[in-house]
Each structure stands twice: as structure tokens, then as C-alpha cells.
Amino acid sequence: MPTVNKTMRILLVNPLWTWDAIPPVNLAELAGYIRSHGFPQVFLLDLNYELRNEIDADSIITKSIGLINSLKPDIVGLTCNTIHVPFCAELCKEYKKISKIPIVLGGLHPTFRARRMFDLTGANYIVR
């Protein structure tokens, strides 16, 4: 387990699954909770918003990784419900190829299928 560092940059990512403007309220609430426990550098990245005009499926993962890296996180948290699994699996696998930054998965699907999600994504941690 990584050393707890209250100055670490924590990035919470809402994975791509729709182009509708649906705010990631769950991640906003989690960010507030994390900040209230002494971690002031919590950031949200909503890939649905950031990639809303993107139609090239081949570049979506690459652009997602670029957006993540632009925020210089020390740890990446990724919410993952069942609808997100294909995108999250691909994003995690590709990100792990270029980065040693820990990935934490949360959400309904990892909660109930933790072992399978470790196998699919290579994530470092799963929060249930």
C-alpha cells in the first residue's frame, strides 16, 4: 500500500459511456469526502464531457490517457459500473503500459466482481 501523503494529487475519473451532459455527482460527493479528510488536491475528470465531440473510437483511449496525464495525478480513481467495463478495462490496460501511477477502481461492478476486474484491468486496488 502506498504511503499516505496528504499533498498527493488525487484524480477521480468518470469513464466514457454517453455524450449526454450528466454530471458525475457520485464523484463530486467522493471528492468532497476526501477533501474533508485532509486531502485538498482532489480533481475530477469527466471523460463524457471532455470527449463529447470525439467520434474516432481508435483515439478515445489515447485522448483519455492524455487528459489524465495532463492533470499530473499521483493516484487515479476510476468509477466503474457494468456499462463502463469495456472502456475501463481498455483504459486501465493501456494506462498501465505507460505509467506506474496506481489505479483504484470503485463502483458497482468492481464491488461484485472484484477478482474479474483485477484480471480485466490490472488495477492496483478495488474499493468496495
N, C-alpha and C. Protein backbone atom coordinates (compact mmCIF):
# COMPACT_ATOMS: atom_id res chain seq x y z
N MET A 1 0.85 -1.18 0.00
CA MET A 1 0.00 0.00 0.00
C MET A 1 0.89 1.24 0.00
N PRO A 2 0.55 2.25 -0.84
CA PRO A 2 1.38 3.44 -0.90
C PRO A 2 1.33 4.22 0.41
N THR A 3 2.39 4.96 0.66
CA THR A 3 2.45 5.82 1.83
C THR A 3 1.40 6.92 1.70
N VAL A 4 0.70 7.21 2.80
CA VAL A 4 -0.30 8.27 2.79
C VAL A 4 0.41 9.61 2.77
N ASN A 5 0.11 10.39 1.76
CA ASN A 5 0.72 11.69 1.57
C ASN A 5 -0.42 12.68 1.36
N LYS A 6 -0.64 13.54 2.32
CA LYS A 6 -1.78 14.47 2.27
C LYS A 6 -1.64 15.51 1.16
N THR A 7 -0.48 15.60 0.52
CA THR A 7 -0.32 16.54 -0.59
C THR A 7 -0.43 15.85 -1.94
N MET A 8 -0.72 14.56 -1.95
CA MET A 8 -0.83 13.86 -3.24
C MET A 8 -2.00 14.39 -4.05
N ARG A 9 -1.83 14.34 -5.36
CA ARG A 9 -2.87 14.77 -6.30
C ARG A 9 -3.73 13.55 -6.62
N ILE A 10 -4.99 13.63 -6.24
CA ILE A 10 -5.92 12.52 -6.44
C ILE A 10 -6.85 12.89 -7.59
N LEU A 11 -6.89 12.04 -8.60
CA LEU A 11 -7.75 12.28 -9.75
C LEU A 11 -8.86 11.24 -9.78
N LEU A 12 -10.11 11.70 -9.78
CA LEU A 12 -11.27 10.83 -9.89
C LEU A 12 -11.82 10.96 -11.31
N VAL A 13 -11.97 9.83 -12.00
CA VAL A 13 -12.32 9.84 -13.41
C VAL A 13 -13.70 9.22 -13.62
N ASN A 14 -14.54 9.95 -14.35
CA ASN A 14 -15.83 9.42 -14.80
C ASN A 14 -15.60 8.87 -16.20
N PRO A 15 -15.71 7.55 -16.38
CA PRO A 15 -15.40 6.96 -17.69
C PRO A 15 -16.42 7.30 -18.76
N LEU A 16 -15.98 7.20 -19.98
CA LEU A 16 -16.83 7.47 -21.12
C LEU A 16 -17.92 6.41 -21.25
N TRP A 17 -19.14 6.86 -21.38
CA TRP A 17 -20.24 5.93 -21.66
C TRP A 17 -21.41 6.62 -22.35
N THR A 18 -21.44 7.94 -22.34
CA THR A 18 -22.51 8.68 -23.01
C THR A 18 -21.97 10.04 -23.40
N TRP A 19 -22.61 10.67 -24.34
CA TRP A 19 -22.23 12.03 -24.69
C TRP A 19 -23.21 13.03 -24.11
N ASP A 20 -24.12 12.57 -23.27
CA ASP A 20 -25.06 13.47 -22.61
C ASP A 20 -24.37 14.19 -21.45
N ALA A 21 -24.87 15.35 -21.11
CA ALA A 21 -24.30 16.14 -20.02
C ALA A 21 -24.91 15.68 -18.69
N ILE A 22 -24.39 14.60 -18.17
CA ILE A 22 -24.86 14.08 -16.88
C ILE A 22 -23.70 14.23 -15.90
N PRO A 23 -23.78 15.19 -14.98
CA PRO A 23 -22.66 15.42 -14.06
C PRO A 23 -22.39 14.18 -13.19
N PRO A 24 -21.12 13.89 -12.92
CA PRO A 24 -20.76 12.75 -12.08
C PRO A 24 -20.92 13.10 -10.59
N VAL A 25 -22.17 13.15 -10.15
CA VAL A 25 -22.47 13.54 -8.77
C VAL A 25 -21.78 12.61 -7.78
N ASN A 26 -21.73 11.32 -8.08
CA ASN A 26 -21.08 10.37 -7.18
C ASN A 26 -19.62 10.75 -6.94
N LEU A 27 -18.93 11.15 -7.99
CA LEU A 27 -17.52 11.51 -7.83
C LEU A 27 -17.36 12.86 -7.14
N ALA A 28 -18.29 13.77 -7.36
CA ALA A 28 -18.25 15.06 -6.67
C ALA A 28 -18.43 14.85 -5.16
N GLU A 29 -19.34 13.97 -4.79
CA GLU A 29 -19.54 13.66 -3.37
C GLU A 29 -18.30 13.00 -2.78
N LEU A 30 -17.71 12.07 -3.52
CA LEU A 30 -16.49 11.41 -3.04
C LEU A 30 -15.35 12.42 -2.90
N ALA A 31 -15.22 13.32 -3.86
CA ALA A 31 -14.17 14.35 -3.77
C ALA A 31 -14.35 15.20 -2.52
N GLY A 32 -15.59 15.58 -2.22
CA GLY A 32 -15.86 16.36 -1.01
C GLY A 32 -15.48 15.59 0.25
N TYR A 33 -15.80 14.31 0.27
CA TYR A 33 -15.46 13.47 1.41
C TYR A 33 -13.94 13.38 1.59
N ILE A 34 -13.23 13.14 0.49
CA ILE A 34 -11.77 13.03 0.55
C ILE A 34 -11.15 14.34 1.02
N ARG A 35 -11.63 15.46 0.48
CA ARG A 35 -11.11 16.77 0.90
C ARG A 35 -11.37 17.02 2.38
N SER A 36 -12.54 16.62 2.86
CA SER A 36 -12.87 16.85 4.27
C SER A 36 -12.01 16.01 5.20
N HIS A 37 -11.30 15.04 4.65
CA HIS A 37 -10.40 14.20 5.45
C HIS A 37 -8.93 14.55 5.22
N GLY A 38 -8.69 15.79 4.79
CA GLY A 38 -7.33 16.31 4.77
C GLY A 38 -6.56 16.16 3.48
N PHE A 39 -7.23 15.82 2.40
CA PHE A 39 -6.55 15.72 1.10
C PHE A 39 -7.11 16.82 0.19
N PRO A 40 -6.47 17.99 0.16
CA PRO A 40 -7.05 19.12 -0.57
C PRO A 40 -6.93 19.05 -2.09
N GLN A 41 -6.02 18.24 -2.61
CA GLN A 41 -5.80 18.21 -4.06
C GLN A 41 -6.54 17.05 -4.72
N VAL A 42 -7.86 17.18 -4.79
CA VAL A 42 -8.70 16.18 -5.44
C VAL A 42 -9.30 16.82 -6.68
N PHE A 43 -9.17 16.13 -7.80
CA PHE A 43 -9.63 16.66 -9.08
C PHE A 43 -10.58 15.68 -9.74
N LEU A 44 -11.53 16.19 -10.50
CA LEU A 44 -12.48 15.37 -11.25
C LEU A 44 -12.20 15.51 -12.74
N LEU A 45 -12.27 14.39 -13.44
CA LEU A 45 -12.15 14.40 -14.90
C LEU A 45 -13.35 13.64 -15.44
N ASP A 46 -14.24 14.34 -16.11
CA ASP A 46 -15.43 13.74 -16.70
C ASP A 46 -15.16 13.52 -18.19
N LEU A 47 -14.82 12.28 -18.54
CA LEU A 47 -14.49 11.99 -19.93
C LEU A 47 -15.71 12.11 -20.85
N ASN A 48 -16.91 11.98 -20.30
CA ASN A 48 -18.11 12.19 -21.11
C ASN A 48 -18.17 13.63 -21.61
N TYR A 49 -17.79 14.56 -20.76
CA TYR A 49 -17.78 15.97 -21.14
C TYR A 49 -16.57 16.28 -22.03
N GLU A 50 -15.41 15.84 -21.60
CA GLU A 50 -14.17 16.17 -22.31
C GLU A 50 -14.12 15.59 -23.73
N LEU A 51 -14.72 14.43 -23.92
CA LEU A 51 -14.67 13.76 -25.23
C LEU A 51 -16.00 13.82 -25.97
N ARG A 52 -16.85 14.76 -25.59
CA ARG A 52 -18.21 14.81 -26.13
C ARG A 52 -18.26 15.00 -27.64
N ASN A 53 -17.24 15.58 -28.23
CA ASN A 53 -17.23 15.79 -29.68
C ASN A 53 -16.36 14.78 -30.41
N GLU A 54 -15.85 13.81 -29.69
CA GLU A 54 -14.94 12.81 -30.27
C GLU A 54 -15.74 11.66 -30.87
N ILE A 55 -15.49 11.35 -32.12
CA ILE A 55 -16.18 10.22 -32.74
C ILE A 55 -15.22 9.15 -33.23
N ASP A 56 -13.95 9.39 -33.12
CA ASP A 56 -12.95 8.42 -33.57
C ASP A 56 -12.65 7.43 -32.45
N ALA A 57 -13.25 6.26 -32.53
CA ALA A 57 -13.12 5.26 -31.46
C ALA A 57 -11.67 4.87 -31.22
N ASP A 58 -10.84 4.88 -32.26
CA ASP A 58 -9.45 4.46 -32.10
C ASP A 58 -8.63 5.43 -31.26
N SER A 59 -9.04 6.68 -31.20
CA SER A 59 -8.24 7.65 -30.45
C SER A 59 -8.82 7.99 -29.08
N ILE A 60 -9.97 7.44 -28.73
CA ILE A 60 -10.60 7.79 -27.45
C ILE A 60 -9.73 7.40 -26.26
N ILE A 61 -9.16 6.22 -26.27
CA ILE A 61 -8.30 5.78 -25.15
C ILE A 61 -7.06 6.66 -25.09
N THR A 62 -6.44 6.92 -26.23
CA THR A 62 -5.24 7.77 -26.26
C THR A 62 -5.54 9.16 -25.74
N LYS A 63 -6.66 9.72 -26.16
CA LYS A 63 -7.03 11.07 -25.68
C LYS A 63 -7.37 11.05 -24.20
N SER A 64 -8.01 9.99 -23.74
CA SER A 64 -8.32 9.86 -22.31
C SER A 64 -7.04 9.84 -21.49
N ILE A 65 -6.06 9.07 -21.93
CA ILE A 65 -4.78 8.99 -21.22
C ILE A 65 -4.08 10.35 -21.23
N GLY A 66 -4.16 11.05 -22.35
CA GLY A 66 -3.57 12.39 -22.42
C GLY A 66 -4.22 13.35 -21.43
N LEU A 67 -5.55 13.28 -21.31
CA LEU A 67 -6.25 14.13 -20.35
C LEU A 67 -5.86 13.77 -18.91
N ILE A 68 -5.78 12.49 -18.62
CA ILE A 68 -5.36 12.05 -17.27
C ILE A 68 -3.97 12.57 -16.97
N ASN A 69 -3.03 12.34 -17.89
CA ASN A 69 -1.65 12.77 -17.67
C ASN A 69 -1.51 14.28 -17.54
N SER A 70 -2.38 15.03 -18.23
CA SER A 70 -2.28 16.50 -18.16
C SER A 70 -2.58 17.02 -16.75
N LEU A 71 -3.28 16.23 -15.95
CA LEU A 71 -3.61 16.65 -14.58
C LEU A 71 -2.57 16.18 -13.56
N LYS A 72 -1.56 15.46 -14.02
CA LYS A 72 -0.42 15.04 -13.20
C LYS A 72 -0.84 14.39 -11.86
N PRO A 73 -1.66 13.34 -11.93
CA PRO A 73 -2.10 12.72 -10.68
C PRO A 73 -1.01 11.85 -10.04
N ASP A 74 -1.13 11.68 -8.74
CA ASP A 74 -0.29 10.71 -8.01
C ASP A 74 -1.03 9.39 -7.87
N ILE A 75 -2.35 9.43 -8.02
CA ILE A 75 -3.19 8.24 -7.97
C ILE A 75 -4.45 8.53 -8.78
N VAL A 76 -4.96 7.51 -9.45
CA VAL A 76 -6.15 7.66 -10.30
C VAL A 76 -7.25 6.76 -9.75
N GLY A 77 -8.40 7.35 -9.46
CA GLY A 77 -9.59 6.60 -9.07
C GLY A 77 -10.56 6.60 -10.23
N LEU A 78 -11.07 5.42 -10.55
CA LEU A 78 -11.95 5.27 -11.71
C LEU A 78 -13.22 4.58 -11.28
N THR A 79 -14.35 5.25 -11.46
CA THR A 79 -15.62 4.61 -11.14
C THR A 79 -15.98 3.67 -12.28
N CYS A 80 -16.61 2.55 -11.94
CA CYS A 80 -16.88 1.55 -12.98
C CYS A 80 -18.15 0.78 -12.67
N ASN A 81 -19.21 1.16 -13.34
CA ASN A 81 -20.43 0.37 -13.29
C ASN A 81 -20.40 -0.59 -14.48
N THR A 82 -21.34 -1.48 -14.55
CA THR A 82 -21.30 -2.51 -15.58
C THR A 82 -21.20 -1.94 -16.99
N ILE A 83 -21.90 -0.86 -17.25
CA ILE A 83 -21.85 -0.25 -18.58
C ILE A 83 -20.46 0.27 -18.94
N HIS A 84 -19.65 0.56 -17.92
CA HIS A 84 -18.31 1.11 -18.13
C HIS A 84 -17.23 0.05 -18.35
N VAL A 85 -17.52 -1.21 -18.08
CA VAL A 85 -16.47 -2.25 -18.03
C VAL A 85 -15.59 -2.29 -19.28
N PRO A 86 -16.13 -2.35 -20.49
CA PRO A 86 -15.23 -2.42 -21.65
C PRO A 86 -14.29 -1.23 -21.75
N PHE A 87 -14.82 -0.03 -21.53
CA PHE A 87 -13.98 1.16 -21.60
C PHE A 87 -12.93 1.16 -20.48
N CYS A 88 -13.36 0.88 -19.25
CA CYS A 88 -12.44 0.88 -18.11
C CYS A 88 -11.33 -0.15 -18.28
N ALA A 89 -11.69 -1.33 -18.77
CA ALA A 89 -10.68 -2.37 -18.97
C ALA A 89 -9.63 -1.92 -19.97
N GLU A 90 -10.06 -1.37 -21.08
CA GLU A 90 -9.11 -0.92 -22.10
C GLU A 90 -8.28 0.26 -21.60
N LEU A 91 -8.93 1.22 -20.96
CA LEU A 91 -8.21 2.39 -20.45
C LEU A 91 -7.15 1.96 -19.43
N CYS A 92 -7.52 1.12 -18.49
CA CYS A 92 -6.56 0.68 -17.46
C CYS A 92 -5.39 -0.07 -18.08
N LYS A 93 -5.67 -1.00 -18.97
CA LYS A 93 -4.59 -1.78 -19.59
C LYS A 93 -3.61 -0.88 -20.33
N GLU A 94 -4.14 0.06 -21.09
CA GLU A 94 -3.26 0.96 -21.85
C GLU A 94 -2.51 1.92 -20.93
N TYR A 95 -3.17 2.41 -19.91
CA TYR A 95 -2.52 3.33 -18.98
C TYR A 95 -1.39 2.65 -18.23
N LYS A 96 -1.61 1.40 -17.83
CA LYS A 96 -0.58 0.65 -17.09
C LYS A 96 0.66 0.41 -17.94
N LYS A 97 0.52 0.42 -19.25
CA LYS A 97 1.66 0.24 -20.14
C LYS A 97 2.63 1.41 -20.08
N ILE A 98 2.11 2.60 -19.76
CA ILE A 98 2.95 3.80 -19.82
C ILE A 98 3.15 4.47 -18.46
N SER A 99 2.47 3.97 -17.43
CA SER A 99 2.53 4.66 -16.14
C SER A 99 2.57 3.68 -14.97
N LYS A 100 3.27 4.08 -13.94
CA LYS A 100 3.31 3.30 -12.70
C LYS A 100 2.38 3.89 -11.64
N ILE A 101 1.61 4.91 -12.02
CA ILE A 101 0.68 5.54 -11.08
C ILE A 101 -0.41 4.53 -10.72
N PRO A 102 -0.68 4.36 -9.43
CA PRO A 102 -1.70 3.38 -9.02
C PRO A 102 -3.09 3.75 -9.51
N ILE A 103 -3.83 2.70 -9.89
CA ILE A 103 -5.22 2.85 -10.30
C ILE A 103 -6.11 2.16 -9.27
N VAL A 104 -7.12 2.89 -8.82
CA VAL A 104 -8.11 2.37 -7.88
C VAL A 104 -9.45 2.32 -8.59
N LEU A 105 -10.07 1.15 -8.62
CA LEU A 105 -11.41 1.01 -9.20
C LEU A 105 -12.44 1.00 -8.10
N GLY A 106 -13.56 1.64 -8.37
CA GLY A 106 -14.70 1.60 -7.46
C GLY A 106 -15.97 1.51 -8.28
N GLY A 107 -17.07 1.39 -7.62
CA GLY A 107 -18.35 1.31 -8.31
C GLY A 107 -18.96 -0.07 -8.17
N LEU A 108 -20.13 -0.23 -8.75
CA LEU A 108 -20.89 -1.46 -8.59
C LEU A 108 -20.19 -2.69 -9.15
N HIS A 109 -19.69 -2.61 -10.35
CA HIS A 109 -19.13 -3.81 -10.97
C HIS A 109 -17.89 -4.33 -10.23
N PRO A 110 -16.92 -3.48 -9.91
CA PRO A 110 -15.78 -3.99 -9.13
C PRO A 110 -16.18 -4.50 -7.74
N THR A 111 -17.22 -3.93 -7.16
CA THR A 111 -17.67 -4.39 -5.85
C THR A 111 -18.11 -5.84 -5.90
N PHE A 112 -18.82 -6.20 -6.94
CA PHE A 112 -19.37 -7.56 -7.01
C PHE A 112 -18.52 -8.52 -7.83
N ARG A 113 -17.61 -8.00 -8.64
CA ARG A 113 -16.77 -8.85 -9.48
C ARG A 113 -15.31 -8.46 -9.34
N ALA A 114 -14.85 -8.34 -8.10
CA ALA A 114 -13.51 -7.81 -7.84
C ALA A 114 -12.42 -8.62 -8.54
N ARG A 115 -12.39 -9.92 -8.35
CA ARG A 115 -11.34 -10.75 -8.95
C ARG A 115 -11.33 -10.58 -10.47
N ARG A 116 -12.50 -10.62 -11.08
CA ARG A 116 -12.59 -10.49 -12.53
C ARG A 116 -12.09 -9.11 -12.99
N MET A 117 -12.40 -8.08 -12.23
CA MET A 117 -11.97 -6.74 -12.60
C MET A 117 -10.46 -6.57 -12.45
N PHE A 118 -9.87 -7.19 -11.43
CA PHE A 118 -8.40 -7.18 -11.34
C PHE A 118 -7.81 -7.82 -12.59
N ASP A 119 -8.38 -8.95 -12.99
CA ASP A 119 -7.88 -9.67 -14.17
C ASP A 119 -8.06 -8.87 -15.45
N LEU A 120 -9.21 -8.22 -15.60
CA LEU A 120 -9.50 -7.45 -16.82
C LEU A 120 -8.70 -6.17 -16.94
N THR A 121 -8.45 -5.51 -15.80
CA THR A 121 -7.91 -4.15 -15.85
C THR A 121 -6.45 -4.03 -15.41
N GLY A 122 -6.00 -4.91 -14.55
CA GLY A 122 -4.67 -4.74 -13.97
C GLY A 122 -4.63 -3.64 -12.93
N ALA A 123 -5.81 -3.21 -12.45
CA ALA A 123 -5.88 -2.16 -11.42
C ALA A 123 -5.10 -2.59 -10.19
N ASN A 124 -4.60 -1.62 -9.45
CA ASN A 124 -3.83 -1.89 -8.24
C ASN A 124 -4.74 -2.18 -7.05
N TYR A 125 -5.88 -1.50 -6.98
CA TYR A 125 -6.78 -1.62 -5.83
C TYR A 125 -8.23 -1.57 -6.31
N ILE A 126 -9.09 -2.16 -5.52
CA ILE A 126 -10.53 -2.05 -5.72
C ILE A 126 -11.15 -1.65 -4.39
N VAL A 127 -11.98 -0.63 -4.45
CA VAL A 127 -12.70 -0.17 -3.26
C VAL A 127 -14.11 -0.72 -3.37
N ARG A 128 -14.52 -1.42 -2.32
CA ARG A 128 -15.87 -2.00 -2.30
C ARG A 128 -16.74 -1.21 -1.35
